[in-house]
Protein backbone atom coordinates (compact mmCIF):
# COMPACT_ATOMS: atom_id res chain seq x y z
CA MET A 1 -9.39 -22.56 9.16
CA ALA A 2 -6.24 -22.86 7.05
CA ALA A 3 -3.15 -21.02 8.20
CA VAL A 4 -2.18 -17.94 6.23
CA PRO A 5 1.32 -18.29 4.73
CA ARG A 6 3.96 -15.97 6.17
CA TYR A 7 4.84 -14.79 2.64
CA ARG A 8 2.31 -14.68 -0.18
CA ARG A 9 4.93 -14.75 -2.95
CA VAL A 10 8.46 -16.14 -2.79
CA LEU A 11 11.24 -15.72 -5.38
CA LEU A 12 13.94 -18.31 -4.71
CA LYS A 13 17.33 -18.20 -6.45
CA ILE A 14 19.29 -21.43 -6.20
CA SER A 15 22.85 -21.43 -7.44
CA GLY A 16 23.89 -24.36 -9.57
CA GLU A 17 26.73 -24.92 -7.11
CA ALA A 18 24.22 -25.40 -4.29
CA LEU A 19 22.91 -28.47 -6.12
CA MET A 20 26.33 -30.14 -5.77
CA GLY A 21 25.90 -30.52 -2.01
CA SER A 22 29.26 -31.52 -0.55
CA GLN A 23 30.49 -33.01 -3.86
CA SER A 24 33.20 -31.33 -5.89
CA TYR A 25 31.14 -31.53 -9.11
CA GLY A 26 27.82 -32.74 -10.49
CA ILE A 27 24.40 -32.79 -8.87
CA ASP A 28 23.84 -34.44 -5.49
CA VAL A 29 20.44 -36.14 -5.64
CA SER A 30 19.86 -36.04 -1.87
CA THR A 31 20.56 -32.29 -1.83
CA VAL A 32 18.13 -31.69 -4.70
CA GLU A 33 15.48 -33.83 -2.97
CA ARG A 34 15.89 -31.84 0.26
CA ILE A 35 15.58 -28.51 -1.58
CA ALA A 36 12.54 -29.78 -3.50
CA ALA A 37 10.88 -30.91 -0.25
CA ASP A 38 11.47 -27.46 1.26
CA ILE A 39 9.97 -25.77 -1.81
CA LYS A 40 6.95 -28.12 -1.70
CA GLU A 41 6.41 -27.32 1.98
CA ALA A 42 6.34 -23.59 1.21
CA PHE A 43 4.02 -24.19 -1.76
CA ASP A 44 1.70 -26.39 0.31
CA SER A 45 1.46 -23.59 2.89
CA GLY A 46 -0.19 -21.43 0.22
CA SER A 47 2.77 -19.33 -0.99
CA GLU A 48 3.25 -18.67 -4.70
CA ILE A 49 6.75 -19.87 -5.58
CA CYS A 50 9.07 -18.75 -8.40
CA VAL A 51 12.34 -20.68 -8.64
CA VAL A 52 15.38 -19.48 -10.58
CA ILE A 53 18.18 -22.02 -10.87
CA GLY A 54 21.62 -20.69 -11.71
CA GLY A 55 23.09 -21.41 -15.09
CA GLY A 56 26.64 -20.21 -14.54
CA ASN A 57 28.04 -23.12 -16.51
CA ALA A 58 25.87 -22.35 -19.55
CA LYS A 59 28.61 -20.09 -20.88
CA ARG A 60 30.71 -23.22 -21.35
CA LEU A 61 28.25 -24.66 -23.88
CA LYS A 62 29.34 -24.58 -27.49
CA GLU A 63 25.75 -24.23 -28.70
CA LEU A 64 22.45 -23.35 -27.05
CA PRO A 65 19.12 -24.97 -27.93
CA PRO A 66 16.94 -23.06 -30.44
CA GLY A 67 15.10 -20.14 -28.85
CA CYS A 68 17.52 -19.91 -25.90
CA ARG A 69 20.04 -17.24 -25.05
CA LEU A 70 22.36 -16.55 -22.17
CA GLY A 71 21.15 -14.03 -19.61
CA ASP A 72 22.26 -12.88 -16.21
CA ASN A 73 20.77 -13.06 -12.72
CA VAL A 74 19.44 -9.49 -12.86
CA ASN A 75 17.28 -10.38 -15.86
CA ALA A 76 16.03 -13.58 -14.22
CA PHE A 77 14.98 -11.81 -11.03
CA GLU A 78 13.38 -8.92 -12.90
CA GLY A 79 11.47 -11.29 -15.16
CA GLY A 80 10.28 -13.35 -12.19
CA CYS A 81 9.10 -10.27 -10.35
CA ARG A 82 7.27 -8.94 -13.40
CA LEU A 83 5.20 -12.10 -13.49
CA TRP A 84 3.64 -10.96 -10.22
CA GLN A 85 2.99 -7.32 -11.05
CA ASN A 86 -0.64 -6.31 -10.81
CA GLY A 87 -2.40 -6.99 -14.05
CA ALA A 88 0.22 -9.46 -15.33
CA GLU A 89 -1.20 -12.63 -16.82
């Protein structure tokens, strides 16, 4: 019999700065790989996973891709949670 996951649904917010690891800038590949392995472990246990990755540096862009707009963390969390409301598709 398969183990029941501790949490059925998980909303994970990862700051863009967390992806830097111990570096002063950029993305540290080993840090991202470790985070991805942790997320996969939770997913493999049967949890539904929603991941929101910070975009704090997006405000520095001169132009956003078509169909994109800047938002804030409150909107990201609310949108993620609404995906799981009863009756949501």
